[in-house]
Amino acid sequence: MKFCRECNTSVLPYAMVVLISGTIGFLTWLTLGLSEPPAMVRIGASIGVSLAVGATLTHYVISCMRRHCRHQERFARRSGPTRPGNLGSTSA
């Protein structure tokens, strides 16, 4: 999992994953409360759903960050042209 320095320091996507998965887990816990299962089943199912949603969203966030990172292109432009016909020579 190699990200550029700017994408690696971003905490907001992971905070959103924790917030969404916690909310879904809490809603699962509330919904299972309507059907009167034992308390351990209710807690276990809520934790399981929260972990599954968290893992899925984390995978999605990482793949999107890799796909949409524009910082690498900016660094490549600074290091020199990479066009097929231009080998980086500066002689005119």
N, C-alpha and C. Protein backbone atom coordinates (compact mmCIF):
# COMPACT_ATOMS: atom_id res chain seq x y z
N MET A 1 0.85 -1.15 0.00
CA MET A 1 0.00 0.00 0.00
C MET A 1 0.91 1.23 0.00
N LYS A 2 1.33 1.66 -1.16
CA LYS A 2 2.19 2.83 -1.27
C LYS A 2 1.38 4.01 -1.77
N PHE A 3 1.26 5.00 -0.90
CA PHE A 3 0.61 6.25 -1.26
C PHE A 3 1.66 7.33 -1.27
N CYS A 4 1.36 8.41 -1.96
CA CYS A 4 2.25 9.55 -1.90
C CYS A 4 2.12 10.20 -0.52
N ARG A 5 3.00 11.11 -0.21
CA ARG A 5 3.04 11.72 1.11
C ARG A 5 1.75 12.47 1.43
N GLU A 6 1.18 13.15 0.45
CA GLU A 6 -0.03 13.94 0.70
C GLU A 6 -1.26 13.07 0.92
N CYS A 7 -1.37 11.96 0.18
CA CYS A 7 -2.52 11.07 0.36
C CYS A 7 -2.39 10.25 1.64
N ASN A 8 -1.17 9.97 2.05
CA ASN A 8 -0.95 9.14 3.22
C ASN A 8 -1.30 9.86 4.51
N THR A 9 -1.24 11.17 4.54
CA THR A 9 -1.51 11.91 5.77
C THR A 9 -2.98 12.26 5.94
N SER A 10 -3.81 11.93 4.99
CA SER A 10 -5.22 12.27 5.07
C SER A 10 -5.95 11.31 6.02
N VAL A 11 -6.56 11.84 7.05
CA VAL A 11 -7.26 11.05 8.06
C VAL A 11 -8.76 11.01 7.79
N LEU A 12 -9.27 11.97 7.06
CA LEU A 12 -10.71 12.11 6.86
C LEU A 12 -11.36 10.86 6.24
N PRO A 13 -10.80 10.22 5.20
CA PRO A 13 -11.48 9.04 4.66
C PRO A 13 -11.63 7.92 5.69
N TYR A 14 -10.60 7.72 6.51
CA TYR A 14 -10.67 6.66 7.51
C TYR A 14 -11.61 7.02 8.65
N ALA A 15 -11.70 8.29 8.98
CA ALA A 15 -12.67 8.72 9.99
C ALA A 15 -14.09 8.49 9.50
N MET A 16 -14.32 8.73 8.23
CA MET A 16 -15.65 8.48 7.65
C MET A 16 -15.97 6.98 7.67
N VAL A 17 -14.98 6.13 7.42
CA VAL A 17 -15.19 4.68 7.47
C VAL A 17 -15.61 4.26 8.87
N VAL A 18 -14.92 4.78 9.89
CA VAL A 18 -15.25 4.43 11.27
C VAL A 18 -16.65 4.95 11.63
N LEU A 19 -16.97 6.15 11.22
CA LEU A 19 -18.29 6.72 11.51
C LEU A 19 -19.41 5.92 10.85
N ILE A 20 -19.24 5.60 9.57
CA ILE A 20 -20.29 4.86 8.85
C ILE A 20 -20.44 3.45 9.40
N SER A 21 -19.31 2.75 9.62
CA SER A 21 -19.42 1.37 10.11
C SER A 21 -19.97 1.33 11.54
N GLY A 22 -19.63 2.32 12.36
CA GLY A 22 -20.21 2.38 13.70
C GLY A 22 -21.70 2.64 13.67
N THR A 23 -22.13 3.51 12.78
CA THR A 23 -23.56 3.80 12.65
C THR A 23 -24.33 2.57 12.18
N ILE A 24 -23.78 1.87 11.20
CA ILE A 24 -24.44 0.66 10.69
C ILE A 24 -24.49 -0.41 11.77
N GLY A 25 -23.41 -0.55 12.54
CA GLY A 25 -23.41 -1.51 13.64
C GLY A 25 -24.45 -1.17 14.70
N PHE A 26 -24.56 0.12 15.02
CA PHE A 26 -25.56 0.56 15.99
C PHE A 26 -26.98 0.31 15.48
N LEU A 27 -27.22 0.60 14.21
CA LEU A 27 -28.55 0.35 13.64
C LEU A 27 -28.87 -1.14 13.62
N THR A 28 -27.86 -1.98 13.39
CA THR A 28 -28.07 -3.43 13.45
C THR A 28 -28.45 -3.85 14.86
N TRP A 29 -27.75 -3.29 15.85
CA TRP A 29 -28.05 -3.61 17.24
C TRP A 29 -29.48 -3.20 17.59
N LEU A 30 -29.89 -2.02 17.12
CA LEU A 30 -31.26 -1.57 17.39
C LEU A 30 -32.29 -2.45 16.69
N THR A 31 -32.00 -2.83 15.45
CA THR A 31 -32.95 -3.65 14.69
C THR A 31 -33.09 -5.04 15.30
N LEU A 32 -31.98 -5.63 15.72
CA LEU A 32 -32.05 -6.95 16.34
C LEU A 32 -32.76 -6.90 17.69
N GLY A 33 -32.82 -5.74 18.30
CA GLY A 33 -33.54 -5.59 19.56
C GLY A 33 -35.03 -5.77 19.40
N LEU A 34 -35.53 -5.58 18.20
CA LEU A 34 -36.96 -5.76 17.95
C LEU A 34 -37.37 -7.22 17.91
N SER A 35 -36.44 -8.11 17.60
CA SER A 35 -36.79 -9.52 17.46
C SER A 35 -36.44 -10.35 18.69
N GLU A 36 -35.93 -9.72 19.75
CA GLU A 36 -35.64 -10.36 21.04
C GLU A 36 -34.68 -11.54 20.98
N PRO A 37 -33.55 -11.43 20.28
CA PRO A 37 -32.55 -12.50 20.37
C PRO A 37 -31.78 -12.36 21.69
N PRO A 38 -31.02 -13.38 22.06
CA PRO A 38 -30.20 -13.23 23.28
C PRO A 38 -29.20 -12.08 23.12
N ALA A 39 -28.79 -11.53 24.24
CA ALA A 39 -27.93 -10.34 24.22
C ALA A 39 -26.60 -10.61 23.53
N MET A 40 -26.02 -11.76 23.73
CA MET A 40 -24.71 -12.06 23.11
C MET A 40 -24.83 -12.19 21.59
N VAL A 41 -25.93 -12.74 21.11
CA VAL A 41 -26.15 -12.84 19.67
C VAL A 41 -26.30 -11.44 19.08
N ARG A 42 -27.04 -10.62 19.77
CA ARG A 42 -27.27 -9.24 19.32
C ARG A 42 -25.96 -8.45 19.25
N ILE A 43 -25.14 -8.56 20.28
CA ILE A 43 -23.85 -7.86 20.32
C ILE A 43 -22.90 -8.43 19.28
N GLY A 44 -22.84 -9.75 19.17
CA GLY A 44 -21.95 -10.39 18.20
C GLY A 44 -22.31 -10.05 16.77
N ALA A 45 -23.60 -10.05 16.47
CA ALA A 45 -24.03 -9.71 15.12
C ALA A 45 -23.73 -8.25 14.80
N SER A 46 -23.92 -7.39 15.76
CA SER A 46 -23.64 -5.96 15.54
C SER A 46 -22.15 -5.72 15.30
N ILE A 47 -21.31 -6.36 16.09
CA ILE A 47 -19.86 -6.22 15.89
C ILE A 47 -19.44 -6.82 14.56
N GLY A 48 -20.00 -7.98 14.21
CA GLY A 48 -19.67 -8.61 12.93
C GLY A 48 -20.06 -7.76 11.74
N VAL A 49 -21.25 -7.18 11.79
CA VAL A 49 -21.71 -6.32 10.70
C VAL A 49 -20.84 -5.06 10.63
N SER A 50 -20.52 -4.50 11.77
CA SER A 50 -19.68 -3.30 11.80
C SER A 50 -18.30 -3.58 11.22
N LEU A 51 -17.70 -4.72 11.57
CA LEU A 51 -16.38 -5.08 11.03
C LEU A 51 -16.44 -5.36 9.52
N ALA A 52 -17.50 -6.02 9.08
CA ALA A 52 -17.63 -6.31 7.65
C ALA A 52 -17.80 -5.03 6.84
N VAL A 53 -18.63 -4.12 7.32
CA VAL A 53 -18.82 -2.85 6.62
C VAL A 53 -17.53 -2.03 6.66
N GLY A 54 -16.84 -2.03 7.80
CA GLY A 54 -15.58 -1.30 7.91
C GLY A 54 -14.52 -1.84 6.97
N ALA A 55 -14.41 -3.16 6.87
CA ALA A 55 -13.41 -3.76 5.97
C ALA A 55 -13.73 -3.45 4.51
N THR A 56 -15.00 -3.54 4.16
CA THR A 56 -15.40 -3.25 2.78
C THR A 56 -15.15 -1.79 2.42
N LEU A 57 -15.51 -0.88 3.30
CA LEU A 57 -15.29 0.54 3.03
C LEU A 57 -13.81 0.90 3.02
N THR A 58 -13.02 0.27 3.88
CA THR A 58 -11.58 0.53 3.87
C THR A 58 -10.96 0.08 2.56
N HIS A 59 -11.36 -1.08 2.07
CA HIS A 59 -10.88 -1.55 0.78
C HIS A 59 -11.27 -0.57 -0.33
N TYR A 60 -12.48 -0.09 -0.29
CA TYR A 60 -12.97 0.87 -1.29
C TYR A 60 -12.18 2.18 -1.22
N VAL A 61 -11.95 2.69 -0.03
CA VAL A 61 -11.22 3.95 0.13
C VAL A 61 -9.79 3.81 -0.38
N ILE A 62 -9.13 2.73 -0.05
CA ILE A 62 -7.75 2.52 -0.50
C ILE A 62 -7.68 2.42 -2.01
N SER A 63 -8.60 1.67 -2.61
CA SER A 63 -8.56 1.53 -4.07
C SER A 63 -8.88 2.86 -4.76
N CYS A 64 -9.79 3.64 -4.21
CA CYS A 64 -10.09 4.95 -4.79
C CYS A 64 -8.93 5.92 -4.65
N MET A 65 -8.25 5.88 -3.51
CA MET A 65 -7.09 6.76 -3.31
C MET A 65 -5.97 6.40 -4.28
N ARG A 66 -5.77 5.15 -4.53
CA ARG A 66 -4.75 4.74 -5.50
C ARG A 66 -5.13 5.19 -6.91
N ARG A 67 -6.39 5.00 -7.25
CA ARG A 67 -6.84 5.29 -8.61
C ARG A 67 -6.90 6.77 -8.91
N HIS A 68 -7.27 7.58 -7.94
CA HIS A 68 -7.51 9.00 -8.20
C HIS A 68 -6.41 9.92 -7.70
N CYS A 69 -5.29 9.39 -7.26
CA CYS A 69 -4.20 10.23 -6.77
C CYS A 69 -3.56 10.96 -7.94
N ARG A 70 -3.57 12.28 -7.90
CA ARG A 70 -2.98 13.10 -8.95
C ARG A 70 -1.61 13.64 -8.53
N HIS A 71 -1.19 13.33 -7.31
CA HIS A 71 0.07 13.86 -6.83
C HIS A 71 1.25 13.22 -7.55
N GLN A 72 1.14 11.95 -7.91
CA GLN A 72 2.24 11.28 -8.61
C GLN A 72 2.48 11.91 -9.97
N GLU A 73 1.42 12.32 -10.65
CA GLU A 73 1.58 12.98 -11.96
C GLU A 73 2.30 14.30 -11.81
N ARG A 74 2.02 15.02 -10.75
CA ARG A 74 2.67 16.30 -10.53
C ARG A 74 4.16 16.11 -10.29
N PHE A 75 4.54 15.07 -9.53
CA PHE A 75 5.94 14.80 -9.29
C PHE A 75 6.63 14.31 -10.56
N ALA A 76 5.94 13.57 -11.40
CA ALA A 76 6.52 13.07 -12.65
C ALA A 76 6.77 14.23 -13.61
N ARG A 77 5.88 15.22 -13.62
CA ARG A 77 6.08 16.38 -14.50
C ARG A 77 7.29 17.20 -14.07
N ARG A 78 7.55 17.26 -12.78
CA ARG A 78 8.70 18.02 -12.30
C ARG A 78 10.02 17.35 -12.65
N SER A 79 10.03 16.02 -12.66
CA SER A 79 11.29 15.31 -12.89
C SER A 79 11.71 15.33 -14.35
N GLY A 80 10.82 15.64 -15.24
CA GLY A 80 11.17 15.72 -16.66
C GLY A 80 10.07 15.18 -17.53
N PRO A 81 10.13 15.51 -18.81
CA PRO A 81 9.09 15.03 -19.72
C PRO A 81 9.23 13.53 -19.94
N THR A 82 8.09 12.89 -20.08
CA THR A 82 8.08 11.44 -20.28
C THR A 82 7.36 11.07 -21.57
N ARG A 83 7.34 11.95 -22.52
CA ARG A 83 6.68 11.65 -23.79
C ARG A 83 7.54 10.69 -24.59
N PRO A 84 6.95 9.84 -25.41
CA PRO A 84 7.71 8.83 -26.14
C PRO A 84 8.78 9.41 -27.07
N GLY A 85 8.51 10.51 -27.73
CA GLY A 85 9.45 11.08 -28.70
C GLY A 85 10.52 11.95 -28.05
N ASN A 86 10.32 12.33 -26.81
CA ASN A 86 11.23 13.25 -26.14
C ASN A 86 11.93 12.50 -25.02
N LEU A 87 13.22 12.30 -25.12
CA LEU A 87 13.95 11.53 -24.14
C LEU A 87 14.51 12.39 -23.03
N GLY A 88 14.07 13.60 -22.95
CA GLY A 88 14.49 14.46 -21.86
C GLY A 88 15.71 15.29 -22.19
N SER A 89 16.13 15.29 -23.43
CA SER A 89 17.30 16.08 -23.79
C SER A 89 16.90 17.55 -23.89
N THR A 90 17.78 18.42 -23.45
CA THR A 90 17.47 19.85 -23.46
C THR A 90 18.20 20.58 -24.57
N SER A 91 18.95 19.85 -25.39
CA SER A 91 19.67 20.53 -26.49
C SER A 91 18.71 20.86 -27.60
N ALA A 92 18.88 22.04 -28.18
CA ALA A 92 17.96 22.46 -29.24
C ALA A 92 18.68 22.52 -30.57
